Amino acid sequence: MLADLTHAAGHQQLLKGINRMSLVRHLCTHPGLSRVELAAAVGLTKSTVSTLARELLDEGWLVEREVVATGELGRRPTPLFVDPERKLLLGVEVGIESLRLVLTSLTGEVQQSASVPMTPGRGAKACLGQLSQTMLKLAQRIDTPRQHIIGIGIGLPGGVDEASGHLHFAPNLGWRDVPVGALLGERLAGTALDGVPLFVQNEADVAALGELEFNRHEVADPLLYVSLNEGVGAGVVVGERLLTGHRGFAGEVGHIVLQLNGPPCSCGRRGCAEALIGLRAMLGPQSDDDEQRHLSVLAARVQAGERGTLRAVARSGAYLGVLLQNLAAAYDPGCIVLGGALVSLGDPFLQPALRTLTEHAAAAGLAPPALRISRHGADAVAIGAAALARYRLTRPLTMPALKDAA
């Protein structure tokens, strides 16, 4: 009988957690509701919302604002908002050339940021050591004890098993079988970030969550985020749930083969989308030289109007259009969002992609999917990593934080 009571108590606690976070999530997208309006919106009783709102106010999740006088008689309800300052999220992008970090509010406003270069060829442990130090330096900037970090998200350029925090393979970093979550947990033990829930996921997946979580407008479904950097990847959100796949490899669209016996790819295959669209494809064979393998080099050539470079960029853009057509056929997305460093090349790269996508759609008698650029720019992955933390923390039925970091 005792076990049954314990089980029931556990269900009650879970239900309360779900209800609490449903209030927070609804106020993230619909700020300024009164308790009565909030109760009607989420389908809870007024007394339940009043009790939960008081707890959330005391804990720093929510804040009340003064009511603006309207001249009407009677007591006016007090509007509730998500507190923009007290609870923060730390988001990290582990890039090919740099580490990018942001501290955001629960609604995605960037409070602090940092970016540090990574030495090419550094091993995973050395890089994660540098990352943990940078995370702690950024955490020192907050106004303690009034503010505190409640979750950490890490975006990595490779296949990730989020449940264990294990990176399977990141070809452009040269990392394979790295327990990122466990290693960072060890580095942060005994520090100000010890015990903060830590979540690890693929960089395109977290950027997709950034478009979902930090968006006050209705989000198209399914939502596809296509990341265009040295590598190519995608994050897929269906019914507000992140599609990760059996082993965490869902969205590795850079390794969809677009050309039989095409150019070699970093993954070992030939003719992959990454080999036809990514930075190396546009820079040509000289990109094997580390000094030449930079977006700034490519951008300068495009700006100078080099014909060979413009042809290479247009060709990569056309292959991007083919990839987008394949994704549109596979997922029938409500919207495709493009992000990553290569988006900054602008029309020479994006117009051939749009033209190819439109032509394929017209040939099938269909309208092309809605297409837009990420609203978070160069910080899309870092902000998305912060969104990953909010996504997990405010959805109690989704995957919990890593045990090693909790």
Protein backbone atom coordinates (compact mmCIF):
# COMPACT_ATOMS: atom_id res chain seq x y z
CA MET A 1 0.00 0.00 0.00
CA LEU A 2 2.85 2.38 0.80
CA ALA A 3 4.31 1.83 -2.67
CA ASP A 4 0.98 2.74 -4.23
CA LEU A 5 0.82 5.95 -2.19
CA THR A 6 4.37 6.85 -3.18
CA HIS A 7 3.51 6.19 -6.80
CA ALA A 8 0.44 8.42 -6.52
CA ALA A 9 2.47 11.16 -4.86
CA GLY A 10 4.95 10.98 -7.71
CA HIS A 11 2.16 11.41 -10.23
CA GLN A 12 0.80 14.38 -8.32
CA GLN A 13 4.23 16.02 -8.26
CA LEU A 14 4.67 15.41 -11.99
CA LEU A 15 1.25 16.85 -12.71
CA LYS A 16 2.04 19.91 -10.64
CA GLY A 17 5.32 20.39 -12.51
CA ILE A 18 3.52 20.13 -15.84
CA ASN A 19 0.93 22.69 -14.75
CA ARG A 20 3.55 25.10 -13.41
CA MET A 21 5.55 25.02 -16.61
CA SER A 22 2.43 25.30 -18.77
CA LEU A 23 1.86 28.69 -17.11
CA VAL A 24 5.44 29.75 -17.76
CA ARG A 25 5.36 28.60 -21.39
CA HIS A 26 2.03 30.30 -22.09
CA LEU A 27 3.23 33.58 -20.60
CA CYS A 28 6.38 33.39 -22.73
CA THR A 29 4.23 33.70 -25.84
CA HIS A 30 1.26 35.58 -24.36
CA PRO A 31 2.68 38.02 -21.80
CA GLY A 32 0.51 40.25 -19.65
CA LEU A 33 -2.39 37.89 -18.93
CA SER A 34 -4.23 38.07 -15.64
CA ARG A 35 -4.68 34.99 -13.48
CA VAL A 36 -8.27 34.62 -14.70
CA GLU A 37 -7.23 34.91 -18.35
CA LEU A 38 -4.37 32.48 -17.81
CA ALA A 39 -6.66 29.93 -16.19
CA ALA A 40 -9.02 30.05 -19.16
CA ALA A 41 -6.13 29.80 -21.64
CA VAL A 42 -4.47 26.71 -20.11
CA GLY A 43 -7.64 24.97 -18.89
CA LEU A 44 -6.95 25.04 -15.15
CA THR A 45 -9.14 26.32 -12.31
CA LYS A 46 -8.67 29.88 -11.09
CA SER A 47 -7.65 28.68 -7.63
CA THR A 48 -5.01 26.33 -9.07
CA VAL A 49 -3.53 29.07 -11.24
CA SER A 50 -3.55 31.50 -8.31
CA THR A 51 -1.65 29.03 -6.12
CA LEU A 52 0.88 28.12 -8.80
CA ALA A 53 1.37 31.73 -9.84
CA ARG A 54 2.24 32.69 -6.27
CA GLU A 55 4.88 29.95 -6.14
CA LEU A 56 6.32 31.00 -9.50
CA LEU A 57 6.42 34.65 -8.41
CA ASP A 58 8.23 33.75 -5.19
CA GLU A 59 10.75 31.58 -7.07
CA GLY A 60 11.53 34.23 -9.69
CA TRP A 61 9.90 32.64 -12.74
CA LEU A 62 7.22 35.31 -13.02
CA VAL A 63 6.81 38.97 -12.18
CA GLU A 64 3.76 41.20 -11.71
CA ARG A 65 3.50 44.59 -13.36
CA GLU A 66 1.52 47.66 -12.41
CA VAL A 67 -1.91 47.97 -13.99
CA VAL A 68 -2.34 50.92 -16.34
CA ALA A 69 -5.26 53.11 -15.28
CA THR A 70 -8.15 53.03 -17.79
CA GLY A 71 -10.77 55.07 -15.92
CA GLU A 72 -13.05 52.06 -15.53
CA LEU A 73 -14.63 51.30 -12.16
CA GLY A 74 -13.72 48.26 -10.09
CA ARG A 75 -10.51 46.44 -9.33
CA ARG A 76 -8.43 45.69 -12.40
CA PRO A 77 -6.65 42.31 -12.67
CA THR A 78 -2.87 42.33 -12.28
CA PRO A 79 -0.99 41.19 -15.43
CA LEU A 80 1.67 38.48 -15.18
CA PHE A 81 4.91 38.28 -17.14
CA VAL A 82 7.88 35.92 -17.30
CA ASP A 83 10.65 37.56 -15.29
CA PRO A 84 13.24 38.71 -17.86
CA GLU A 85 16.18 38.89 -15.46
CA ARG A 86 16.29 36.44 -12.56
CA LYS A 87 16.49 33.05 -14.28
CA LEU A 88 19.03 32.70 -17.08
CA LEU A 89 19.97 30.08 -19.66
CA LEU A 90 23.52 29.43 -20.86
CA GLY A 91 23.83 28.42 -24.51
CA VAL A 92 27.03 27.23 -26.18
CA GLU A 93 28.02 26.59 -29.78
CA VAL A 94 31.09 24.43 -30.29
CA GLY A 95 32.07 25.52 -33.80
CA ILE A 96 34.83 24.48 -36.14
CA GLU A 97 36.90 27.62 -35.48
CA SER A 98 35.45 29.13 -32.31
CA LEU A 99 33.33 28.75 -29.22
CA ARG A 100 30.32 31.05 -29.03
CA LEU A 101 28.42 31.50 -25.76
CA VAL A 102 25.33 33.45 -24.72
CA LEU A 103 23.37 34.03 -21.54
CA THR A 104 19.70 34.56 -22.31
CA SER A 105 16.52 35.26 -20.43
CA LEU A 106 13.74 32.66 -20.40
CA THR A 107 12.26 34.40 -23.44
CA GLY A 108 15.51 34.44 -25.42
CA GLU A 109 16.84 37.96 -24.96
CA VAL A 110 20.65 37.86 -24.91
CA GLN A 111 22.01 39.27 -21.64
CA GLN A 112 25.71 38.44 -22.07
CA SER A 113 27.81 36.87 -24.82
CA ALA A 114 31.35 35.72 -25.50
CA SER A 115 33.29 34.24 -28.39
CA VAL A 116 36.75 32.70 -28.26
CA PRO A 117 38.81 31.14 -31.08
CA MET A 118 39.70 27.46 -31.03
CA THR A 119 43.13 26.28 -32.05
CA PRO A 120 42.72 24.03 -35.14
CA GLY A 121 43.36 20.36 -34.42
CA ARG A 122 42.93 20.59 -30.65
CA GLY A 123 41.65 17.42 -29.07
CA ALA A 124 38.23 17.13 -27.53
CA LYS A 125 39.42 17.17 -23.91
CA ALA A 126 41.53 20.29 -24.41
CA CYS A 127 38.69 22.05 -26.20
CA LEU A 128 36.16 21.13 -23.51
CA GLY A 129 38.58 22.34 -20.85
CA GLN A 130 38.77 25.70 -22.64
CA LEU A 131 34.98 25.70 -22.94
CA SER A 132 34.39 25.07 -19.23
CA GLN A 133 36.73 27.95 -18.33
CA THR A 134 34.91 30.30 -20.71
CA MET A 135 31.53 29.21 -19.34
CA LEU A 136 32.65 30.02 -15.80
CA LYS A 137 34.00 33.42 -16.84
CA LEU A 138 30.68 34.26 -18.46
CA ALA A 139 28.78 33.03 -15.41
CA GLN A 140 30.79 35.42 -13.24
CA ARG A 141 29.22 38.38 -15.06
CA ILE A 142 25.73 37.79 -13.66
CA ASP A 143 24.28 39.68 -10.72
CA THR A 144 24.33 37.05 -7.98
CA PRO A 145 22.42 36.14 -5.85
CA ARG A 146 19.53 37.88 -7.64
CA GLN A 147 20.24 36.06 -10.90
CA HIS A 148 21.16 32.45 -11.46
CA ILE A 149 21.64 30.06 -14.35
CA ILE A 150 19.03 27.29 -14.36
CA GLY A 151 20.10 25.33 -17.46
CA ILE A 152 22.97 24.84 -19.90
CA GLY A 153 22.67 23.78 -23.53
CA ILE A 154 25.53 22.69 -25.81
CA GLY A 155 25.27 22.57 -29.62
CA LEU A 156 27.78 20.29 -31.39
CA PRO A 157 28.49 19.77 -35.12
CA GLY A 158 27.80 16.03 -35.26
CA GLY A 159 25.54 13.17 -34.26
CA VAL A 160 24.65 13.23 -30.55
CA ASP A 161 22.90 10.85 -28.17
CA GLU A 162 21.23 13.43 -25.94
CA ALA A 163 20.22 10.95 -23.25
CA SER A 164 23.87 10.19 -22.46
CA GLY A 165 25.49 13.40 -23.74
CA HIS A 166 27.64 11.29 -26.05
CA LEU A 167 28.97 12.69 -29.33
CA HIS A 168 29.16 9.89 -31.91
CA PHE A 169 31.11 11.61 -34.68
CA ALA A 170 31.90 15.20 -35.67
CA PRO A 171 33.88 14.84 -38.92
CA ASN A 172 34.75 18.53 -39.30
CA LEU A 173 36.16 18.58 -35.75
CA GLY A 174 37.83 15.19 -36.07
CA TRP A 175 36.10 14.01 -32.87
CA ARG A 176 34.69 10.51 -32.50
CA ASP A 177 33.03 8.80 -29.50
CA VAL A 178 33.41 11.69 -27.04
CA PRO A 179 31.38 11.67 -23.76
CA VAL A 180 30.88 15.44 -23.89
CA GLY A 181 28.31 15.58 -21.10
CA ALA A 182 30.39 13.54 -18.69
CA LEU A 183 33.62 15.44 -19.45
CA LEU A 184 31.97 18.82 -18.95
CA GLY A 185 30.31 17.57 -15.78
CA GLU A 186 33.74 16.66 -14.41
CA ARG A 187 35.18 20.05 -15.39
CA LEU A 188 32.32 21.94 -13.73
CA ALA A 189 32.24 19.91 -10.51
CA GLY A 190 32.81 22.11 -7.48
CA THR A 191 32.28 25.33 -9.48
CA ALA A 192 29.45 27.84 -9.60
CA LEU A 193 27.89 25.74 -12.39
CA ASP A 194 28.05 22.45 -10.50
CA GLY A 195 24.62 20.84 -10.47
CA VAL A 196 23.10 23.02 -13.21
CA PRO A 197 21.17 20.74 -15.61
CA LEU A 198 23.22 20.21 -18.75
CA PHE A 199 21.85 19.21 -22.17
CA VAL A 200 23.85 18.28 -25.28
CA GLN A 201 22.51 18.09 -28.83
CA ASN A 202 23.40 18.55 -32.50
CA GLU A 203 23.93 22.16 -33.59
CA ALA A 204 21.19 22.21 -36.26
CA ASP A 205 18.74 20.59 -33.83
CA VAL A 206 19.30 23.27 -31.20
CA ALA A 207 19.02 26.04 -33.80
CA ALA A 208 15.66 24.59 -34.82
CA LEU A 209 14.55 24.70 -31.18
CA GLY A 210 15.64 28.34 -31.05
CA GLU A 211 13.17 29.09 -33.83
CA LEU A 212 10.48 27.19 -31.92
CA GLU A 213 11.04 28.29 -28.32
CA PHE A 214 11.98 31.94 -28.73
CA ASN A 215 9.16 32.85 -31.09
CA ARG A 216 6.04 34.73 -29.97
CA HIS A 217 4.26 34.00 -33.24
CA GLU A 218 2.61 30.78 -34.36
CA VAL A 219 5.28 28.34 -35.50
CA ALA A 220 4.88 26.48 -38.78
CA ASP A 221 4.69 22.70 -38.48
CA PRO A 222 6.75 20.80 -39.42
CA LEU A 223 9.63 23.24 -39.03
CA LEU A 224 12.95 22.50 -40.74
CA TYR A 225 16.13 24.38 -39.91
CA VAL A 226 18.96 23.89 -42.43
CA SER A 227 22.43 24.78 -41.17
CA LEU A 228 24.94 25.89 -43.82
CA ASN A 229 28.53 26.11 -42.66
CA GLU A 230 31.64 24.09 -43.45
CA GLY A 231 29.20 21.22 -42.99
CA VAL A 232 25.50 20.97 -43.74
CA GLY A 233 22.87 19.75 -41.29
CA ALA A 234 19.20 20.07 -40.43
CA GLY A 235 16.98 20.17 -37.38
CA VAL A 236 13.43 18.88 -37.71
CA VAL A 237 10.60 19.80 -35.32
CA VAL A 238 7.25 18.02 -35.76
CA GLY A 239 4.32 18.79 -33.48
CA GLU A 240 6.68 20.80 -31.23
CA ARG A 241 8.84 17.70 -30.74
CA LEU A 242 12.42 17.45 -31.89
CA LEU A 243 13.04 14.55 -34.29
CA THR A 244 16.39 13.04 -33.29
CA GLY A 245 16.18 9.50 -34.66
CA HIS A 246 17.15 6.14 -33.18
CA ARG A 247 20.84 6.99 -32.68
CA GLY A 248 20.70 10.77 -32.75
CA PHE A 249 21.57 10.98 -36.46
CA ALA A 250 18.27 12.39 -37.75
CA GLY A 251 18.90 15.62 -39.63
CA GLU A 252 22.38 14.71 -40.91
CA VAL A 253 21.23 15.87 -44.34
CA GLY A 254 24.73 16.93 -45.28
CA HIS A 255 25.37 13.25 -45.91
CA ILE A 256 22.45 12.68 -48.24
CA VAL A 257 24.06 11.65 -51.53
CA LEU A 258 23.13 14.07 -54.33
CA GLN A 259 25.61 12.89 -56.95
CA LEU A 260 26.80 9.33 -57.61
CA ASN A 261 30.60 9.12 -57.60
CA GLY A 262 30.75 12.82 -56.78
CA PRO A 263 33.46 14.63 -54.82
CA PRO A 264 34.70 12.99 -51.60
CA CYS A 265 33.04 14.02 -48.35
CA SER A 266 34.53 14.26 -44.85
CA CYS A 267 32.31 11.33 -43.80
CA GLY A 268 34.02 8.95 -46.25
CA ARG A 269 31.25 8.83 -48.84
CA ARG A 270 31.23 10.55 -52.22
CA GLY A 271 28.74 13.04 -53.63
CA CYS A 272 27.21 14.09 -50.30
CA ALA A 273 25.32 17.36 -50.02
CA GLU A 274 28.11 18.73 -47.82
CA ALA A 275 30.72 18.01 -50.50
CA LEU A 276 28.60 19.83 -53.10
CA ILE A 277 27.23 22.71 -51.01
CA GLY A 278 29.60 23.41 -48.11
CA LEU A 279 32.49 25.82 -47.83
CA ARG A 280 35.05 23.45 -49.38
CA ALA A 281 32.88 23.00 -52.47
CA MET A 282 32.92 26.74 -53.14
CA LEU A 283 36.59 27.37 -52.35
CA GLY A 284 37.89 24.51 -54.49
CA PRO A 285 40.96 22.28 -53.98
CA GLN A 286 42.98 25.11 -52.43
CA SER A 287 40.65 24.96 -49.43
CA ASP A 288 42.73 22.08 -48.09
CA ASP A 289 45.18 24.80 -47.04
CA ASP A 290 44.00 25.88 -43.55
CA GLU A 291 44.83 29.53 -44.29
CA GLN A 292 42.49 29.49 -47.29
CA ARG A 293 39.66 27.52 -45.67
CA HIS A 294 37.76 30.46 -44.27
CA LEU A 295 34.47 32.11 -45.14
CA SER A 296 36.20 35.50 -45.18
CA VAL A 297 38.37 34.33 -48.08
CA LEU A 298 35.30 33.19 -50.03
CA ALA A 299 33.35 36.35 -49.22
CA ALA A 300 36.23 38.53 -50.43
CA ARG A 301 36.34 36.65 -53.74
CA VAL A 302 32.60 37.00 -54.18
CA GLN A 303 32.81 40.70 -53.37
CA ALA A 304 35.61 41.11 -55.92
CA GLY A 305 33.43 39.45 -58.56
CA GLU A 306 35.81 36.58 -59.37
CA ARG A 307 34.03 34.69 -62.12
CA GLY A 308 35.28 31.25 -61.11
CA THR A 309 34.22 31.78 -57.51
CA LEU A 310 30.81 33.14 -58.53
CA ARG A 311 30.24 30.08 -60.71
CA ALA A 312 31.23 27.77 -57.84
CA VAL A 313 28.93 29.62 -55.42
CA ALA A 314 26.02 29.50 -57.89
CA ARG A 315 26.60 25.78 -58.47
CA SER A 316 26.57 25.12 -54.72
CA GLY A 317 23.42 27.21 -54.44
CA ALA A 318 21.73 25.09 -57.12
CA TYR A 319 22.66 21.92 -55.23
CA LEU A 320 21.22 23.52 -52.09
CA GLY A 321 17.98 23.95 -54.02
CA VAL A 322 18.03 20.24 -54.88
CA LEU A 323 18.59 19.36 -51.22
CA LEU A 324 15.73 21.63 -50.14
CA GLN A 325 13.48 20.01 -52.73
CA ASN A 326 14.34 16.57 -51.33
CA LEU A 327 13.61 17.75 -47.78
CA ALA A 328 10.34 19.32 -48.89
CA ALA A 329 9.32 16.02 -50.51
CA ALA A 330 10.30 14.04 -47.39
CA TYR A 331 8.75 16.25 -44.69
CA ASP A 332 6.19 18.55 -46.38
CA PRO A 333 7.34 21.36 -44.05
CA GLY A 334 5.30 24.37 -43.09
CA CYS A 335 8.52 26.38 -43.25
CA ILE A 336 12.22 25.90 -43.98
CA VAL A 337 14.59 28.20 -42.10
CA LEU A 338 18.12 28.75 -43.44
CA GLY A 339 20.94 29.59 -41.04
CA GLY A 340 24.68 29.33 -40.70
CA ALA A 341 27.66 31.30 -41.91
CA LEU A 342 27.14 30.62 -45.63
CA VAL A 343 23.81 32.49 -45.58
CA SER A 344 25.85 35.71 -45.33
CA LEU A 345 26.95 35.20 -48.96
CA GLY A 346 23.51 36.47 -49.93
CA ASP A 347 21.99 36.42 -53.40
CA PRO A 348 24.91 34.82 -55.31
CA PHE A 349 24.32 31.70 -53.18
CA LEU A 350 20.66 31.90 -52.18
CA GLN A 351 19.02 32.95 -55.45
CA PRO A 352 20.15 29.83 -57.37
CA ALA A 353 18.83 27.73 -54.46
CA LEU A 354 15.46 29.45 -54.51
CA ARG A 355 15.26 29.23 -58.31
CA THR A 356 16.04 25.50 -58.31
CA LEU A 357 13.58 24.80 -55.49
CA THR A 358 10.83 26.76 -57.28
CA GLU A 359 11.48 25.00 -60.60
CA HIS A 360 11.24 21.55 -58.99
CA ALA A 361 8.03 22.50 -57.21
CA ALA A 362 6.49 23.95 -60.39
CA ALA A 363 7.34 20.80 -62.35
CA ALA A 364 5.23 18.83 -59.84
CA GLY A 365 2.44 21.42 -59.91
CA LEU A 366 3.13 22.44 -56.30
CA ALA A 367 3.87 25.68 -54.52
CA PRO A 368 7.38 25.79 -53.03
CA PRO A 369 7.60 25.62 -49.22
CA ALA A 370 7.87 28.84 -47.25
CA LEU A 371 11.54 29.77 -46.90
CA ARG A 372 13.16 32.34 -44.60
CA ILE A 373 16.46 33.24 -42.95
CA SER A 374 17.02 32.55 -39.24
CA ARG A 375 16.06 35.48 -37.04
CA HIS A 376 19.01 34.80 -34.70
CA GLY A 377 21.81 35.35 -37.22
CA ALA A 378 25.34 34.33 -36.22
CA ASP A 379 24.15 33.41 -32.72
CA ALA A 380 21.52 30.94 -33.97
CA VAL A 381 23.25 27.85 -32.55
CA ALA A 382 24.28 29.42 -29.22
CA ILE A 383 20.79 30.90 -28.71
CA GLY A 384 19.32 27.59 -29.85
CA ALA A 385 21.40 25.78 -27.24
CA ALA A 386 19.85 28.03 -24.58
CA ALA A 387 16.47 27.17 -26.12
CA LEU A 388 17.30 23.46 -25.75
CA ALA A 389 17.71 24.01 -22.00
CA ARG A 390 14.36 25.82 -21.79
CA TYR A 391 12.69 23.18 -23.98
CA ARG A 392 13.72 20.36 -21.63
CA LEU A 393 13.25 22.24 -18.35
CA THR A 394 9.76 23.52 -19.14
CA ARG A 395 8.46 20.27 -20.64
CA PRO A 396 8.63 17.78 -17.75
CA LEU A 397 7.51 14.88 -19.97
CA THR A 398 10.50 15.22 -22.29
CA MET A 399 13.98 13.87 -21.66
CA PRO A 400 15.48 14.83 -18.26
CA ALA A 401 18.88 16.43 -17.75
CA LEU A 402 22.00 14.33 -17.93
CA LYS A 403 22.58 12.41 -14.73
CA ASP A 404 26.26 13.27 -14.82
CA ALA A 405 25.47 16.98 -14.75
CA ALA A 406 22.51 16.98 -12.40
